[in-house]
Amino acid sequence: MEEKKKNTEGFIPAHGGYRKLITYQKAEIIYDGTVYFTKRFFQKYDRTIDQMVQAARSGKQNIAEASMASATKETEIKLTNVARASLEELLIDYEDFLRTNKLPKWDKEHKLVARLRELNKIPNGNYETFKKAIENESPEICANAMTGLIKVATYLLNQQIKQLEQAFINEGGLRERMTKARINQRNKK
């Protein structure tokens, strides 16, 4: 299990701890739900399966990689943005599924969207929290539940990127910290 790496000296700040990020937790649910969904609703050799699972995996893995690379703010921002883009691609796949199967795409006023909002507020929610929706008998409920989860995750990733941008503005990047550390060392001599 990964831990947050600590550095009390030098220019590389603490990094890691991605399993505690709500964005990572949501992305893990989305990945597991997508694996389930694609096995259930697509033919075995349909290329869409690989594409959807890969987009879900990319979302999750890039959040983890961004967290582990957080010592380099530029890389962390880039990878978090890649995660967001991958989940957006996956959202379009679910919307395509709904449209091509002539199933309604729920608006935010739909009664089951309100239920998804409630479930998303549960601290430490996991796959089991959303299992009834993800594994529902109705493909409409399954696909709309997944789109709801993806929308929450991308919203949270947008907020995370804004925070990372602000941290970069306030703290600078790795090169700036390296230069500052080198100047400080030179001034000590």
C-alpha atoms as a PDB file:
ATOM      1  CA  MET A   1       0.000   0.000   0.000  1.00  0.00           C
ATOM      2  CA  GLU A   2       1.314   3.400  -0.958  1.00  0.00           C
ATOM      3  CA  GLU A   3       2.098   6.020   1.638  1.00  0.00           C
ATOM      4  CA  LYS A   4       2.685   9.699   1.366  1.00  0.00           C
ATOM      5  CA  LYS A   5       6.429  10.160   0.833  1.00  0.00           C
ATOM      6  CA  LYS A   6       8.054  12.654   3.206  1.00  0.00           C
ATOM      7  CA  ASN A   7      11.084  14.819   2.698  1.00  0.00           C
ATOM      8  CA  THR A   8      11.936  17.127   5.557  1.00  0.00           C
ATOM      9  CA  GLU A   9      15.020  18.507   3.765  1.00  0.00           C
ATOM     10  CA  GLY A  10      15.585  19.565   0.199  1.00  0.00           C
ATOM     11  CA  PHE A  11      13.294  20.771  -2.523  1.00  0.00           C
ATOM     12  CA  ILE A  12      11.040  17.752  -3.085  1.00  0.00           C
ATOM     13  CA  PRO A  13       7.884  18.167  -0.967  1.00  0.00           C
ATOM     14  CA  ALA A  14       5.720  15.362   0.403  1.00  0.00           C
ATOM     15  CA  HIS A  15       3.855  13.461  -2.295  1.00  0.00           C
ATOM     16  CA  GLY A  16       1.550  10.468  -2.716  1.00  0.00           C
ATOM     17  CA  GLY A  17      -1.480   9.576  -0.626  1.00  0.00           C
ATOM     18  CA  TYR A  18      -3.730   9.156  -3.669  1.00  0.00           C
ATOM     19  CA  ARG A  19      -5.937   6.483  -2.075  1.00  0.00           C
ATOM     20  CA  LYS A  20      -7.278   9.167   0.249  1.00  0.00           C
ATOM     21  CA  LEU A  21      -8.279  11.421  -2.646  1.00  0.00           C
ATOM     22  CA  ILE A  22     -12.028  11.413  -3.277  1.00  0.00           C
ATOM     23  CA  THR A  23     -11.267  11.711  -7.000  1.00  0.00           C
ATOM     24  CA  TYR A  24      -9.268   8.479  -6.872  1.00  0.00           C
ATOM     25  CA  GLN A  25     -11.989   6.710  -4.874  1.00  0.00           C
ATOM     26  CA  LYS A  26     -14.659   7.778  -7.389  1.00  0.00           C
ATOM     27  CA  ALA A  27     -12.422   6.791 -10.309  1.00  0.00           C
ATOM     28  CA  GLU A  28     -11.951   3.333  -8.802  1.00  0.00           C
ATOM     29  CA  ILE A  29     -15.736   2.878  -8.571  1.00  0.00           C
ATOM     30  CA  ILE A  30     -16.032   4.085 -12.174  1.00  0.00           C
ATOM     31  CA  TYR A  31     -13.364   1.622 -13.331  1.00  0.00           C
ATOM     32  CA  ASP A  32     -14.976  -1.338 -11.533  1.00  0.00           C
ATOM     33  CA  GLY A  33     -18.428  -0.299 -12.761  1.00  0.00           C
ATOM     34  CA  THR A  34     -17.184   0.035 -16.333  1.00  0.00           C
ATOM     35  CA  VAL A  35     -15.631  -3.437 -16.272  1.00  0.00           C
ATOM     36  CA  TYR A  36     -18.968  -4.808 -15.044  1.00  0.00           C
ATOM     37  CA  PHE A  37     -21.015  -2.735 -17.519  1.00  0.00           C
ATOM     38  CA  THR A  38     -18.994  -3.630 -20.615  1.00  0.00           C
ATOM     39  CA  LYS A  39     -19.003  -7.342 -19.821  1.00  0.00           C
ATOM     40  CA  ARG A  40     -22.750  -7.218 -19.408  1.00  0.00           C
ATOM     41  CA  PHE A  41     -23.903  -5.002 -22.277  1.00  0.00           C
ATOM     42  CA  PHE A  42     -21.407  -5.556 -25.099  1.00  0.00           C
ATOM     43  CA  GLN A  43     -20.510  -8.569 -27.221  1.00  0.00           C
ATOM     44  CA  LYS A  44     -17.296 -10.294 -26.164  1.00  0.00           C
ATOM     45  CA  TYR A  45     -15.070  -8.995 -28.994  1.00  0.00           C
ATOM     46  CA  ASP A  46     -16.575  -5.513 -29.335  1.00  0.00           C
ATOM     47  CA  ARG A  47     -13.747  -2.945 -29.451  1.00  0.00           C
ATOM     48  CA  THR A  48     -15.878  -0.605 -27.359  1.00  0.00           C
ATOM     49  CA  ILE A  49     -15.145  -2.784 -24.319  1.00  0.00           C
ATOM     50  CA  ASP A  50     -11.407  -2.178 -24.551  1.00  0.00           C
ATOM     51  CA  GLN A  51     -11.874   1.510 -25.246  1.00  0.00           C
ATOM     52  CA  MET A  52     -14.239   2.096 -22.324  1.00  0.00           C
ATOM     53  CA  VAL A  53     -12.225   0.023 -19.859  1.00  0.00           C
ATOM     54  CA  GLN A  54      -9.021   1.744 -20.971  1.00  0.00           C
ATOM     55  CA  ALA A  55     -10.579   5.209 -20.547  1.00  0.00           C
ATOM     56  CA  ALA A  56     -11.791   4.261 -17.047  1.00  0.00           C
ATOM     57  CA  ARG A  57      -8.386   2.793 -16.193  1.00  0.00           C
ATOM     58  CA  SER A  58      -6.599   5.864 -17.525  1.00  0.00           C
ATOM     59  CA  GLY A  59      -8.749   8.101 -15.347  1.00  0.00           C
ATOM     60  CA  LYS A  60      -7.916   6.123 -12.224  1.00  0.00           C
ATOM     61  CA  GLN A  61      -4.247   5.476 -12.968  1.00  0.00           C
ATOM     62  CA  ASN A  62      -3.484   9.070 -13.922  1.00  0.00           C
ATOM     63  CA  ILE A  63      -4.883  10.323 -10.612  1.00  0.00           C
ATOM     64  CA  ALA A  64      -2.541   7.926  -8.789  1.00  0.00           C
ATOM     65  CA  GLU A  65       0.431   8.821 -10.991  1.00  0.00           C
ATOM     66  CA  ALA A  66      -0.280  12.548 -10.583  1.00  0.00           C
ATOM     67  CA  SER A  67      -0.304  12.165  -6.818  1.00  0.00           C
ATOM     68  CA  MET A  68       2.993  10.282  -6.841  1.00  0.00           C
ATOM     69  CA  ALA A  69       4.472  12.979  -9.113  1.00  0.00           C
ATOM     70  CA  SER A  70       3.126  15.828  -6.993  1.00  0.00           C
ATOM     71  CA  ALA A  71       6.644  16.962  -6.138  1.00  0.00           C
ATOM     72  CA  THR A  72       6.649  18.279  -9.707  1.00  0.00           C
ATOM     73  CA  LYS A  73       3.538  20.454  -9.817  1.00  0.00           C
ATOM     74  CA  GLU A  74       3.676  20.743 -13.603  1.00  0.00           C
ATOM     75  CA  THR A  75       3.506  16.955 -13.995  1.00  0.00           C
ATOM     76  CA  GLU A  76       0.799  16.649 -11.355  1.00  0.00           C
ATOM     77  CA  ILE A  77      -1.367  19.216 -13.161  1.00  0.00           C
ATOM     78  CA  LYS A  78      -0.784  17.551 -16.530  1.00  0.00           C
ATOM     79  CA  LEU A  79      -1.634  14.033 -15.308  1.00  0.00           C
ATOM     80  CA  THR A  80      -4.693  15.202 -13.372  1.00  0.00           C
ATOM     81  CA  ASN A  81      -5.897  16.870 -16.563  1.00  0.00           C
ATOM     82  CA  VAL A  82      -5.280  13.622 -18.506  1.00  0.00           C
ATOM     83  CA  ALA A  83      -7.411  11.791 -15.912  1.00  0.00           C
ATOM     84  CA  ARG A  84     -10.192  14.330 -16.402  1.00  0.00           C
ATOM     85  CA  ALA A  85      -9.984  14.007 -20.206  1.00  0.00           C
ATOM     86  CA  SER A  86     -10.085  10.194 -20.017  1.00  0.00           C
ATOM     87  CA  LEU A  87     -13.209  10.287 -17.870  1.00  0.00           C
ATOM     88  CA  GLU A  88     -14.812  12.771 -20.275  1.00  0.00           C
ATOM     89  CA  GLU A  89     -14.139  10.324 -23.117  1.00  0.00           C
ATOM     90  CA  LEU A  90     -15.768   7.586 -21.038  1.00  0.00           C
ATOM     91  CA  LEU A  91     -18.785   9.820 -20.335  1.00  0.00           C
ATOM     92  CA  ILE A  92     -19.321  10.197 -24.075  1.00  0.00           C
ATOM     93  CA  ASP A  93     -19.220   6.397 -24.472  1.00  0.00           C
ATOM     94  CA  TYR A  94     -21.983   5.997 -21.876  1.00  0.00           C
ATOM     95  CA  GLU A  95     -24.022   8.767 -23.510  1.00  0.00           C
ATOM     96  CA  ASP A  96     -23.545   7.024 -26.879  1.00  0.00           C
ATOM     97  CA  PHE A  97     -24.815   3.798 -25.315  1.00  0.00           C
ATOM     98  CA  LEU A  98     -27.937   5.540 -24.055  1.00  0.00           C
ATOM     99  CA  ARG A  99     -28.583   7.304 -27.363  1.00  0.00           C
ATOM    100  CA  THR A 100     -27.989   4.287 -29.635  1.00  0.00           C
ATOM    101  CA  ASN A 101     -30.177   2.114 -27.427  1.00  0.00           C
ATOM    102  CA  LYS A 102     -32.897   4.790 -27.378  1.00  0.00           C
ATOM    103  CA  LEU A 103     -32.670   5.114 -23.597  1.00  0.00           C
ATOM    104  CA  PRO A 104     -33.256   8.463 -21.891  1.00  0.00           C
ATOM    105  CA  LYS A 105     -30.328  10.455 -20.548  1.00  0.00           C
ATOM    106  CA  TRP A 106     -31.373  11.751 -17.150  1.00  0.00           C
ATOM    107  CA  ASP A 107     -31.364  15.469 -16.450  1.00  0.00           C
ATOM    108  CA  LYS A 108     -30.418  16.786 -13.029  1.00  0.00           C
ATOM    109  CA  GLU A 109     -34.092  16.961 -12.004  1.00  0.00           C
ATOM    110  CA  HIS A 110     -34.638  13.195 -12.400  1.00  0.00           C
ATOM    111  CA  LYS A 111     -35.628  11.535  -9.099  1.00  0.00           C
ATOM    112  CA  LEU A 112     -32.843   8.959  -9.306  1.00  0.00           C
ATOM    113  CA  VAL A 113     -30.243  11.684  -9.882  1.00  0.00           C
ATOM    114  CA  ALA A 114     -31.246  13.038  -6.469  1.00  0.00           C
ATOM    115  CA  ARG A 115     -30.598   9.576  -5.015  1.00  0.00           C
ATOM    116  CA  LEU A 116     -27.163   9.465  -6.684  1.00  0.00           C
ATOM    117  CA  ARG A 117     -26.390  12.858  -5.119  1.00  0.00           C
ATOM    118  CA  GLU A 118     -27.239  11.421  -1.705  1.00  0.00           C
ATOM    119  CA  LEU A 119     -25.027   8.389  -2.290  1.00  0.00           C
ATOM    120  CA  ASN A 120     -22.141  10.597  -3.415  1.00  0.00           C
ATOM    121  CA  LYS A 121     -22.259  12.421  -0.073  1.00  0.00           C
ATOM    122  CA  ILE A 122     -21.606   9.222   1.901  1.00  0.00           C
ATOM    123  CA  PRO A 123     -18.073   9.454   3.335  1.00  0.00           C
ATOM    124  CA  ASN A 124     -15.797   6.656   2.122  1.00  0.00           C
ATOM    125  CA  GLY A 125     -18.400   5.502  -0.390  1.00  0.00           C
ATOM    126  CA  ASN A 126     -17.216   2.577  -2.483  1.00  0.00           C
ATOM    127  CA  TYR A 127     -18.506   0.235  -5.180  1.00  0.00           C
ATOM    128  CA  GLU A 128     -20.936  -1.361  -2.709  1.00  0.00           C
ATOM    129  CA  THR A 129     -22.477   2.076  -2.106  1.00  0.00           C
ATOM    130  CA  PHE A 130     -23.477   2.268  -5.791  1.00  0.00           C
ATOM    131  CA  LYS A 131     -23.837  -1.441  -6.575  1.00  0.00           C
ATOM    132  CA  LYS A 132     -27.663  -1.427  -6.759  1.00  0.00           C
ATOM    133  CA  ALA A 133     -27.520   1.227  -9.466  1.00  0.00           C
ATOM    134  CA  ILE A 134     -24.455  -0.039 -11.344  1.00  0.00           C
ATOM    135  CA  GLU A 135     -25.670  -3.634 -11.428  1.00  0.00           C
ATOM    136  CA  ASN A 136     -29.352  -2.796 -11.838  1.00  0.00           C
ATOM    137  CA  GLU A 137     -31.475  -4.934 -14.140  1.00  0.00           C
ATOM    138  CA  SER A 138     -32.269  -1.849 -16.230  1.00  0.00           C
ATOM    139  CA  PRO A 139     -29.520  -0.726 -18.656  1.00  0.00           C
ATOM    140  CA  GLU A 140     -30.980   2.786 -18.406  1.00  0.00           C
ATOM    141  CA  ILE A 141     -30.298   2.903 -14.677  1.00  0.00           C
ATOM    142  CA  CYS A 142     -26.833   1.356 -15.051  1.00  0.00           C
ATOM    143  CA  ALA A 143     -25.649   3.773 -17.755  1.00  0.00           C
ATOM    144  CA  ASN A 144     -27.153   6.844 -16.097  1.00  0.00           C
ATOM    145  CA  ALA A 145     -25.643   5.888 -12.735  1.00  0.00           C
ATOM    146  CA  MET A 146     -22.250   5.627 -14.399  1.00  0.00           C
ATOM    147  CA  THR A 147     -22.662   8.992 -16.134  1.00  0.00           C
ATOM    148  CA  GLY A 148     -23.623  10.521 -12.795  1.00  0.00           C
ATOM    149  CA  LEU A 149     -20.513   9.115 -11.137  1.00  0.00           C
ATOM    150  CA  ILE A 150     -18.323  10.347 -13.971  1.00  0.00           C
ATOM    151  CA  LYS A 151     -19.827  13.843 -13.770  1.00  0.00           C
ATOM    152  CA  VAL A 152     -19.095  13.964 -10.041  1.00  0.00           C
ATOM    153  CA  ALA A 153     -15.526  12.747 -10.579  1.00  0.00           C
ATOM    154  CA  THR A 154     -14.838  15.258 -13.377  1.00  0.00           C
ATOM    155  CA  TYR A 155     -16.307  18.090 -11.299  1.00  0.00           C
ATOM    156  CA  LEU A 156     -14.009  17.106  -8.424  1.00  0.00           C
ATOM    157  CA  LEU A 157     -11.043  16.841 -10.799  1.00  0.00           C
ATOM    158  CA  ASN A 158     -11.837  20.365 -12.072  1.00  0.00           C
ATOM    159  CA  GLN A 159     -11.714  21.606  -8.467  1.00  0.00           C
ATOM    160  CA  GLN A 160      -8.505  19.673  -7.846  1.00  0.00           C
ATOM    161  CA  ILE A 161      -6.876  21.242 -10.929  1.00  0.00           C
ATOM    162  CA  LYS A 162      -7.862  24.728  -9.736  1.00  0.00           C
ATOM    163  CA  GLN A 163      -6.200  23.993  -6.379  1.00  0.00           C
ATOM    164  CA  LEU A 164      -3.091  22.662  -8.133  1.00  0.00           C
ATOM    165  CA  GLU A 165      -2.920  25.790 -10.301  1.00  0.00           C
ATOM    166  CA  GLN A 166      -3.135  27.974  -7.195  1.00  0.00           C
ATOM    167  CA  ALA A 167      -0.454  25.899  -5.441  1.00  0.00           C
ATOM    168  CA  PHE A 168       1.803  26.326  -8.470  1.00  0.00           C
ATOM    169  CA  ILE A 169       1.241  30.089  -8.478  1.00  0.00           C
ATOM    170  CA  ASN A 170       1.948  30.296  -4.725  1.00  0.00           C
ATOM    171  CA  GLU A 171       4.799  27.775  -4.432  1.00  0.00           C
ATOM    172  CA  GLY A 172       6.286  27.605  -7.916  1.00  0.00           C
ATOM    173  CA  GLY A 173       7.536  24.527  -9.687  1.00  0.00           C
ATOM    174  CA  LEU A 174      10.342  22.080  -9.134  1.00  0.00           C
ATOM    175  CA  ARG A 175      12.930  24.107 -11.067  1.00  0.00           C
ATOM    176  CA  GLU A 176      12.250  27.157  -8.908  1.00  0.00           C
ATOM    177  CA  ARG A 177      12.593  25.107  -5.714  1.00  0.00           C
ATOM    178  CA  MET A 178      15.779  23.499  -7.038  1.00  0.00           C
ATOM    179  CA  THR A 179      17.296  26.897  -7.848  1.00  0.00           C
ATOM    180  CA  LYS A 180      16.291  28.283  -4.458  1.00  0.00           C
ATOM    181  CA  ALA A 181      17.777  25.255  -2.645  1.00  0.00           C
ATOM    182  CA  ARG A 182      21.020  25.589  -4.642  1.00  0.00           C
ATOM    183  CA  ILE A 183      21.270  29.330  -3.894  1.00  0.00           C
ATOM    184  CA  ASN A 184      20.589  28.684  -0.187  1.00  0.00           C
ATOM    185  CA  GLN A 185      23.312  26.013  -0.116  1.00  0.00           C
ATOM    186  CA  ARG A 186      25.789  28.297  -1.863  1.00  0.00           C
ATOM    187  CA  ASN A 187      25.014  31.130   0.591  1.00  0.00           C
ATOM    188  CA  LYS A 188      25.715  28.801   3.558  1.00  0.00           C
ATOM    189  CA  LYS A 189      29.290  28.225   2.343  1.00  0.00           C
END
